[in-house]
Amino acid sequence: MGLFNSIRLGASSAGDYEVERSLRFNDGDDANLSRTPSSAGNTRTWTFSAWLKLGQLGTIRNIFSRGTTAALPWFFSYLNSDNTLQIYFINSGGTSYLSTSNKLFRDNSAWYHFVIRLDTTQSTSTDRLRVYVNNELITWSSYQAPSQNFESEINTTALHNIGRHGGGNPFDGYMAEINHVDGLSLDPSSFAETDAITGQWNPKKYVGSYGTNGFYLNFSDNSGTTATTLGK
């Protein structure tokens, strides 16, 4: 399993908010977190926010997912072997939507703040899936918007993973300050802010609702490295 690390992301100008802990994901150990919700939430509207520091580059590394390539349906968000970000939806009927970023993620010395914002109820296709990195809305080399009111696999009563998909492709690096919000489509300002003096993008405490299947992981409990504490 991954081990705790005290990697500080910096303090917020508004309230000196500081993230003191991250979780190390070693792909050689297939380290990951998993959860199966007991009841379904909102599959059309949700937001996932996390701070990532990359380890190994040039491999497929899953961030947040539901499902496996061995069986339909699934949702994958991952860094591809060419270091682009890809977001992949596929339903039980085989209808799929795959979007690939223009941006390459190759800096393993810096922290990236990823926000995946889904709202398939939107009539404008480009508003259904939006991804921000360090408060910038990323552009896509190819973009396939989910159809209006498409039901993603996130917030269903199936196994969800952080740091892999159900069949493998583990993440390598660090993750910190993970927020998943069920039922709300939120921009990055809900989770971070720009320091007025330095201009640095810094985390801040999320204070809104998490909905039915939302969660917050700050990895503050370092009393053990088993499922009783990791991801608690």
C-alpha atoms as a PDB file:
ATOM      1  CA  MET A   1       0.000   0.000   0.000  1.00  0.00           C
ATOM      2  CA  GLY A   2       0.953   3.646  -0.235  1.00  0.00           C
ATOM      3  CA  LEU A   3       2.602   5.386   2.707  1.00  0.00           C
ATOM      4  CA  PHE A   4       1.852   8.735   4.263  1.00  0.00           C
ATOM      5  CA  ASN A   5       4.056  11.678   3.405  1.00  0.00           C
ATOM      6  CA  SER A   6       4.002  15.164   4.873  1.00  0.00           C
ATOM      7  CA  ILE A   7       4.279  17.185   1.679  1.00  0.00           C
ATOM      8  CA  ARG A   8       2.978  20.698   2.288  1.00  0.00           C
ATOM      9  CA  LEU A   9       1.136  22.442  -0.497  1.00  0.00           C
ATOM     10  CA  GLY A  10       1.315  25.940   0.948  1.00  0.00           C
ATOM     11  CA  ALA A  11      -0.876  28.212   2.996  1.00  0.00           C
ATOM     12  CA  SER A  12      -3.977  30.082   1.881  1.00  0.00           C
ATOM     13  CA  SER A  13      -3.906  33.854   2.080  1.00  0.00           C
ATOM     14  CA  ALA A  14      -7.497  33.868   3.330  1.00  0.00           C
ATOM     15  CA  GLY A  15      -7.060  31.588   6.318  1.00  0.00           C
ATOM     16  CA  ASP A  16      -3.557  30.127   6.339  1.00  0.00           C
ATOM     17  CA  TYR A  17      -5.037  26.807   5.265  1.00  0.00           C
ATOM     18  CA  GLU A  18      -2.279  24.271   4.812  1.00  0.00           C
ATOM     19  CA  VAL A  19      -2.412  20.712   3.507  1.00  0.00           C
ATOM     20  CA  GLU A  20       0.092  18.767   5.565  1.00  0.00           C
ATOM     21  CA  ARG A  21      -0.382  15.209   4.358  1.00  0.00           C
ATOM     22  CA  SER A  22      -0.446  13.346   1.087  1.00  0.00           C
ATOM     23  CA  LEU A  23      -0.658   9.682   0.216  1.00  0.00           C
ATOM     24  CA  ARG A  24       2.085   7.966  -1.785  1.00  0.00           C
ATOM     25  CA  PHE A  25       0.892   5.620  -4.537  1.00  0.00           C
ATOM     26  CA  ASN A  26       3.571   3.188  -5.709  1.00  0.00           C
ATOM     27  CA  ASP A  27       2.516   1.591  -8.990  1.00  0.00           C
ATOM     28  CA  GLY A  28       4.754  -1.403  -8.332  1.00  0.00           C
ATOM     29  CA  ASP A  29       2.618  -2.217  -5.300  1.00  0.00           C
ATOM     30  CA  ASP A  30      -0.660  -1.490  -7.127  1.00  0.00           C
ATOM     31  CA  ALA A  31      -1.493   0.852  -4.245  1.00  0.00           C
ATOM     32  CA  ASN A  32      -5.040   2.214  -4.465  1.00  0.00           C
ATOM     33  CA  LEU A  33      -8.145   3.200  -2.557  1.00  0.00           C
ATOM     34  CA  SER A  34     -11.565   1.696  -3.231  1.00  0.00           C
ATOM     35  CA  ARG A  35     -15.143   2.101  -2.102  1.00  0.00           C
ATOM     36  CA  THR A  36     -18.548   0.693  -3.035  1.00  0.00           C
ATOM     37  CA  PRO A  37     -21.404   3.108  -2.226  1.00  0.00           C
ATOM     38  CA  SER A  38     -24.379   1.528  -0.476  1.00  0.00           C
ATOM     39  CA  SER A  39     -26.893   3.636  -2.396  1.00  0.00           C
ATOM     40  CA  ALA A  40     -26.848   5.453  -5.718  1.00  0.00           C
ATOM     41  CA  GLY A  41     -26.265   9.184  -5.953  1.00  0.00           C
ATOM     42  CA  ASN A  42     -26.295  11.610  -8.851  1.00  0.00           C
ATOM     43  CA  THR A  43     -24.662  10.062 -11.914  1.00  0.00           C
ATOM     44  CA  ARG A  44     -25.175  13.123 -14.107  1.00  0.00           C
ATOM     45  CA  THR A  45     -23.700  15.874 -11.943  1.00  0.00           C
ATOM     46  CA  TRP A  46     -20.599  15.653  -9.753  1.00  0.00           C
ATOM     47  CA  THR A  47     -17.162  17.197  -9.133  1.00  0.00           C
ATOM     48  CA  PHE A  48     -13.841  15.536  -8.303  1.00  0.00           C
ATOM     49  CA  SER A  49     -10.938  17.628  -6.987  1.00  0.00           C
ATOM     50  CA  ALA A  50      -7.451  16.410  -6.062  1.00  0.00           C
ATOM     51  CA  TRP A  51      -3.861  17.631  -5.834  1.00  0.00           C
ATOM     52  CA  LEU A  52      -1.430  15.342  -7.674  1.00  0.00           C
ATOM     53  CA  LYS A  53       2.354  15.100  -7.785  1.00  0.00           C
ATOM     54  CA  LEU A  54       3.473  12.736 -10.512  1.00  0.00           C
ATOM     55  CA  GLY A  55       5.965   9.930 -10.109  1.00  0.00           C
ATOM     56  CA  GLN A  56       6.600   7.678 -13.079  1.00  0.00           C
ATOM     57  CA  LEU A  57       5.801   9.183 -16.471  1.00  0.00           C
ATOM     58  CA  GLY A  58       5.012   7.580 -19.812  1.00  0.00           C
ATOM     59  CA  THR A  59       2.598   4.907 -18.576  1.00  0.00           C
ATOM     60  CA  ILE A  60      -1.185   4.707 -18.179  1.00  0.00           C
ATOM     61  CA  ARG A  61      -1.979   5.972 -14.657  1.00  0.00           C
ATOM     62  CA  ASN A  62      -5.574   6.074 -13.457  1.00  0.00           C
ATOM     63  CA  ILE A  63      -6.716   8.836 -11.127  1.00  0.00           C
ATOM     64  CA  PHE A  64     -10.431   8.226 -10.394  1.00  0.00           C
ATOM     65  CA  SER A  65     -12.480   5.474 -11.985  1.00  0.00           C
ATOM     66  CA  ARG A  66     -15.377   3.066 -11.927  1.00  0.00           C
ATOM     67  CA  GLY A  67     -15.180  -0.210 -13.813  1.00  0.00           C
ATOM     68  CA  THR A  68     -12.661  -2.219 -15.796  1.00  0.00           C
ATOM     69  CA  THR A  69     -11.774  -2.654 -19.452  1.00  0.00           C
ATOM     70  CA  ALA A  70     -12.823  -6.301 -19.097  1.00  0.00           C
ATOM     71  CA  ALA A  71     -16.512  -5.420 -18.818  1.00  0.00           C
ATOM     72  CA  LEU A  72     -18.909  -2.600 -19.644  1.00  0.00           C
ATOM     73  CA  PRO A  73     -19.794   0.023 -18.433  1.00  0.00           C
ATOM     74  CA  TRP A  74     -17.012   2.240 -17.049  1.00  0.00           C
ATOM     75  CA  PHE A  75     -15.656   5.715 -16.317  1.00  0.00           C
ATOM     76  CA  PHE A  76     -11.908   6.352 -16.386  1.00  0.00           C
ATOM     77  CA  SER A  77      -9.890   9.507 -15.756  1.00  0.00           C
ATOM     78  CA  TYR A  78      -6.216   8.826 -16.378  1.00  0.00           C
ATOM     79  CA  LEU A  79      -2.876  10.067 -17.608  1.00  0.00           C
ATOM     80  CA  ASN A  80      -2.042   8.213 -20.802  1.00  0.00           C
ATOM     81  CA  SER A  81       1.323   6.786 -21.886  1.00  0.00           C
ATOM     82  CA  ASP A  82       1.869   9.930 -24.002  1.00  0.00           C
ATOM     83  CA  ASN A  83       1.335  12.028 -20.812  1.00  0.00           C
ATOM     84  CA  THR A  84      -1.984  13.505 -21.954  1.00  0.00           C
ATOM     85  CA  LEU A  85      -5.060  13.416 -19.750  1.00  0.00           C
ATOM     86  CA  GLN A  86      -7.922  11.279 -21.020  1.00  0.00           C
ATOM     87  CA  ILE A  87     -11.519  11.095 -19.789  1.00  0.00           C
ATOM     88  CA  TYR A  88     -13.399   8.013 -20.975  1.00  0.00           C
ATOM     89  CA  PHE A  89     -17.092   7.178 -20.555  1.00  0.00           C
ATOM     90  CA  ILE A  90     -18.767   4.037 -21.865  1.00  0.00           C
ATOM     91  CA  ASN A  91     -22.252   2.766 -21.033  1.00  0.00           C
ATOM     92  CA  SER A  92     -23.651  -0.755 -20.869  1.00  0.00           C
ATOM     93  CA  GLY A  93     -24.724  -0.535 -24.516  1.00  0.00           C
ATOM     94  CA  GLY A  94     -21.188   0.270 -25.664  1.00  0.00           C
ATOM     95  CA  THR A  95     -21.759   3.956 -26.447  1.00  0.00           C
ATOM     96  CA  SER A  96     -18.480   5.677 -25.614  1.00  0.00           C
ATOM     97  CA  TYR A  97     -17.078   9.181 -25.266  1.00  0.00           C
ATOM     98  CA  LEU A  98     -13.311   9.769 -25.108  1.00  0.00           C
ATOM     99  CA  SER A  99     -11.661  13.176 -24.686  1.00  0.00           C
ATOM    100  CA  THR A 100      -7.908  13.826 -24.834  1.00  0.00           C
ATOM    101  CA  SER A 101      -6.165  16.949 -23.534  1.00  0.00           C
ATOM    102  CA  ASN A 102      -3.851  19.165 -25.534  1.00  0.00           C
ATOM    103  CA  LYS A 103      -1.766  19.684 -22.417  1.00  0.00           C
ATOM    104  CA  LEU A 104       1.001  17.236 -21.526  1.00  0.00           C
ATOM    105  CA  PHE A 105       1.676  16.371 -17.896  1.00  0.00           C
ATOM    106  CA  ARG A 106       5.409  15.761 -17.610  1.00  0.00           C
ATOM    107  CA  ASP A 107       6.539  17.785 -14.588  1.00  0.00           C
ATOM    108  CA  ASN A 108       7.053  15.442 -11.665  1.00  0.00           C
ATOM    109  CA  SER A 109       8.542  18.166  -9.463  1.00  0.00           C
ATOM    110  CA  ALA A 110       5.347  20.220  -9.154  1.00  0.00           C
ATOM    111  CA  TRP A 111       1.868  19.804  -7.714  1.00  0.00           C
ATOM    112  CA  TYR A 112      -1.080  19.846 -10.104  1.00  0.00           C
ATOM    113  CA  HIS A 113      -4.599  20.654  -8.944  1.00  0.00           C
ATOM    114  CA  PHE A 114      -7.088  18.645 -11.024  1.00  0.00           C
ATOM    115  CA  VAL A 115     -10.821  19.412 -11.011  1.00  0.00           C
ATOM    116  CA  ILE A 116     -13.112  17.196 -13.083  1.00  0.00           C
ATOM    117  CA  ARG A 117     -16.524  18.842 -13.413  1.00  0.00           C
ATOM    118  CA  LEU A 118     -19.388  16.854 -14.903  1.00  0.00           C
ATOM    119  CA  ASP A 119     -22.910  18.066 -15.594  1.00  0.00           C
ATOM    120  CA  THR A 120     -24.557  16.180 -18.452  1.00  0.00           C
ATOM    121  CA  THR A 121     -27.843  18.051 -17.920  1.00  0.00           C
ATOM    122  CA  GLN A 122     -26.315  21.060 -19.694  1.00  0.00           C
ATOM    123  CA  SER A 123     -27.682  21.845 -23.154  1.00  0.00           C
ATOM    124  CA  THR A 124     -24.305  23.173 -24.358  1.00  0.00           C
ATOM    125  CA  SER A 125     -22.073  20.179 -25.063  1.00  0.00           C
ATOM    126  CA  THR A 126     -18.840  21.842 -23.938  1.00  0.00           C
ATOM    127  CA  ASP A 127     -20.382  22.548 -20.520  1.00  0.00           C
ATOM    128  CA  ARG A 128     -21.087  18.873 -19.827  1.00  0.00           C
ATOM    129  CA  LEU A 129     -17.461  17.921 -19.170  1.00  0.00           C
ATOM    130  CA  ARG A 130     -14.972  20.523 -17.978  1.00  0.00           C
ATOM    131  CA  VAL A 131     -11.536  19.835 -16.528  1.00  0.00           C
ATOM    132  CA  TYR A 132      -9.352  22.428 -14.838  1.00  0.00           C
ATOM    133  CA  VAL A 133      -5.673  22.164 -13.962  1.00  0.00           C
ATOM    134  CA  ASN A 134      -4.290  24.802 -11.596  1.00  0.00           C
ATOM    135  CA  ASN A 135      -7.407  26.893 -12.221  1.00  0.00           C
ATOM    136  CA  GLU A 136      -7.052  26.824 -16.016  1.00  0.00           C
ATOM    137  CA  LEU A 137      -9.785  25.247 -18.134  1.00  0.00           C
ATOM    138  CA  ILE A 138      -7.901  22.767 -20.284  1.00  0.00           C
ATOM    139  CA  THR A 139      -8.395  22.459 -24.026  1.00  0.00           C
ATOM    140  CA  TRP A 140      -8.766  19.210 -25.902  1.00  0.00           C
ATOM    141  CA  SER A 141      -7.071  17.748 -28.950  1.00  0.00           C
ATOM    142  CA  SER A 142     -10.225  15.668 -29.265  1.00  0.00           C
ATOM    143  CA  TYR A 143     -13.426  16.223 -27.314  1.00  0.00           C
ATOM    144  CA  GLN A 144     -16.429  13.926 -27.226  1.00  0.00           C
ATOM    145  CA  ALA A 145     -19.069  15.389 -24.974  1.00  0.00           C
ATOM    146  CA  PRO A 146     -21.363  12.917 -23.250  1.00  0.00           C
ATOM    147  CA  SER A 147     -24.890  13.139 -24.606  1.00  0.00           C
ATOM    148  CA  GLN A 148     -27.327  15.316 -22.689  1.00  0.00           C
ATOM    149  CA  ASN A 149     -28.472  13.602 -19.462  1.00  0.00           C
ATOM    150  CA  PHE A 150     -25.924  10.806 -19.969  1.00  0.00           C
ATOM    151  CA  GLU A 151     -25.628   8.616 -16.860  1.00  0.00           C
ATOM    152  CA  SER A 152     -21.966   8.272 -15.897  1.00  0.00           C
ATOM    153  CA  GLU A 153     -20.866   5.346 -13.757  1.00  0.00           C
ATOM    154  CA  ILE A 154     -19.719   7.572 -10.908  1.00  0.00           C
ATOM    155  CA  ASN A 155     -21.990   7.521  -7.815  1.00  0.00           C
ATOM    156  CA  THR A 156     -23.520   4.153  -8.706  1.00  0.00           C
ATOM    157  CA  THR A 157     -23.519   1.247  -6.243  1.00  0.00           C
ATOM    158  CA  ALA A 158     -20.492  -0.356  -7.926  1.00  0.00           C
ATOM    159  CA  LEU A 159     -16.822  -0.408  -6.936  1.00  0.00           C
ATOM    160  CA  HIS A 160     -15.040   2.956  -7.329  1.00  0.00           C
ATOM    161  CA  ASN A 161     -11.262   3.342  -7.311  1.00  0.00           C
ATOM    162  CA  ILE A 162      -8.756   6.084  -6.654  1.00  0.00           C
ATOM    163  CA  GLY A 163      -5.304   5.332  -8.035  1.00  0.00           C
ATOM    164  CA  ARG A 164      -6.255   2.593 -10.524  1.00  0.00           C
ATOM    165  CA  HIS A 165      -9.181   1.178 -12.470  1.00  0.00           C
ATOM    166  CA  GLY A 166     -10.777  -2.117 -11.551  1.00  0.00           C
ATOM    167  CA  GLY A 167      -8.380  -4.065 -13.748  1.00  0.00           C
ATOM    168  CA  GLY A 168      -5.114  -2.234 -13.061  1.00  0.00           C
ATOM    169  CA  ASN A 169      -3.141   0.657 -14.566  1.00  0.00           C
ATOM    170  CA  PRO A 170      -2.199   2.063 -11.144  1.00  0.00           C
ATOM    171  CA  PHE A 171      -1.238   5.659 -10.466  1.00  0.00           C
ATOM    172  CA  ASP A 172       2.335   6.464  -9.413  1.00  0.00           C
ATOM    173  CA  GLY A 173       3.013   9.541  -7.316  1.00  0.00           C
ATOM    174  CA  TYR A 174       1.271  11.478  -4.560  1.00  0.00           C
ATOM    175  CA  MET A 175      -2.317  12.577  -4.018  1.00  0.00           C
ATOM    176  CA  ALA A 176      -3.579  15.054  -1.444  1.00  0.00           C
ATOM    177  CA  GLU A 177      -6.727  16.936  -0.393  1.00  0.00           C
ATOM    178  CA  ILE A 178      -9.206  14.814  -2.341  1.00  0.00           C
ATOM    179  CA  ASN A 179     -12.804  16.041  -2.527  1.00  0.00           C
ATOM    180  CA  HIS A 180     -15.605  14.290  -4.379  1.00  0.00           C
ATOM    181  CA  VAL A 181     -18.917  16.157  -4.454  1.00  0.00           C
ATOM    182  CA  ASP A 182     -22.040  14.260  -5.492  1.00  0.00           C
ATOM    183  CA  GLY A 183     -24.768  16.345  -7.132  1.00  0.00           C
ATOM    184  CA  LEU A 184     -22.957  19.656  -7.694  1.00  0.00           C
ATOM    185  CA  SER A 185     -20.934  20.985 -10.630  1.00  0.00           C
ATOM    186  CA  LEU A 186     -18.263  23.213  -9.071  1.00  0.00           C
ATOM    187  CA  ASP A 187     -15.415  25.288 -10.433  1.00  0.00           C
ATOM    188  CA  PRO A 188     -11.920  25.260  -8.857  1.00  0.00           C
ATOM    189  CA  SER A 189     -12.635  28.268  -6.625  1.00  0.00           C
ATOM    190  CA  SER A 190     -14.561  25.927  -4.317  1.00  0.00           C
ATOM    191  CA  PHE A 191     -11.317  24.112  -3.488  1.00  0.00           C
ATOM    192  CA  ALA A 192      -8.474  26.594  -3.985  1.00  0.00           C
ATOM    193  CA  GLU A 193      -7.646  30.274  -4.458  1.00  0.00           C
ATOM    194  CA  THR A 194      -4.939  32.581  -5.763  1.00  0.00           C
ATOM    195  CA  ASP A 195      -2.629  34.133  -3.194  1.00  0.00           C
ATOM    196  CA  ALA A 196      -3.036  37.895  -3.507  1.00  0.00           C
ATOM    197  CA  ILE A 197       0.665  38.532  -2.938  1.00  0.00           C
ATOM    198  CA  THR A 198       2.471  35.666  -4.664  1.00  0.00           C
ATOM    199  CA  GLY A 199      -0.101  34.766  -7.318  1.00  0.00           C
ATOM    200  CA  GLN A 200       0.301  31.105  -6.356  1.00  0.00           C
ATOM    201  CA  TRP A 201      -2.689  28.766  -6.657  1.00  0.00           C
ATOM    202  CA  ASN A 202      -3.234  27.347  -3.158  1.00  0.00           C
ATOM    203  CA  PRO A 203      -5.696  24.909  -1.619  1.00  0.00           C
ATOM    204  CA  LYS A 204      -8.512  26.074   0.615  1.00  0.00           C
ATOM    205  CA  LYS A 205     -11.025  24.169   2.694  1.00  0.00           C
ATOM    206  CA  TYR A 206     -14.174  23.074   0.836  1.00  0.00           C
ATOM    207  CA  VAL A 207     -17.195  24.028   2.948  1.00  0.00           C
ATOM    208  CA  GLY A 208     -20.185  22.919   0.867  1.00  0.00           C
ATOM    209  CA  SER A 209     -22.355  19.830   0.720  1.00  0.00           C
ATOM    210  CA  TYR A 210     -20.968  16.450  -0.374  1.00  0.00           C
ATOM    211  CA  GLY A 211     -24.311  14.942  -1.349  1.00  0.00           C
ATOM    212  CA  THR A 212     -25.135  11.236  -1.125  1.00  0.00           C
ATOM    213  CA  ASN A 213     -21.806   9.675  -2.121  1.00  0.00           C
ATOM    214  CA  GLY A 214     -19.363  12.522  -1.734  1.00  0.00           C
ATOM    215  CA  PHE A 215     -16.248  12.260   0.424  1.00  0.00           C
ATOM    216  CA  TYR A 216     -13.210  14.132   1.677  1.00  0.00           C
ATOM    217  CA  LEU A 217      -9.774  12.530   2.113  1.00  0.00           C
ATOM    218  CA  ASN A 218      -7.046  14.507   3.875  1.00  0.00           C
ATOM    219  CA  PHE A 219      -5.010  11.513   5.103  1.00  0.00           C
ATOM    220  CA  SER A 220      -4.635  13.046   8.550  1.00  0.00           C
ATOM    221  CA  ASP A 221      -4.895   9.684  10.316  1.00  0.00           C
ATOM    222  CA  ASN A 222      -1.413   8.148  10.121  1.00  0.00           C
ATOM    223  CA  SER A 223      -1.921   5.615  12.905  1.00  0.00           C
ATOM    224  CA  GLY A 224      -1.534   2.764  10.420  1.00  0.00           C
ATOM    225  CA  THR A 225      -1.172   1.833   6.772  1.00  0.00           C
ATOM    226  CA  THR A 226      -4.127  -0.520   6.484  1.00  0.00           C
ATOM    227  CA  ALA A 227      -7.687  -0.057   5.285  1.00  0.00           C
ATOM    228  CA  THR A 228      -8.717   0.939   8.811  1.00  0.00           C
ATOM    229  CA  THR A 229      -6.901   4.264   8.418  1.00  0.00           C
ATOM    230  CA  LEU A 230      -5.901   4.843   4.773  1.00  0.00           C
ATOM    231  CA  GLY A 231      -8.680   6.773   3.105  1.00  0.00           C
ATOM    232  CA  LYS A 232     -10.620   6.948   6.359  1.00  0.00           C
END
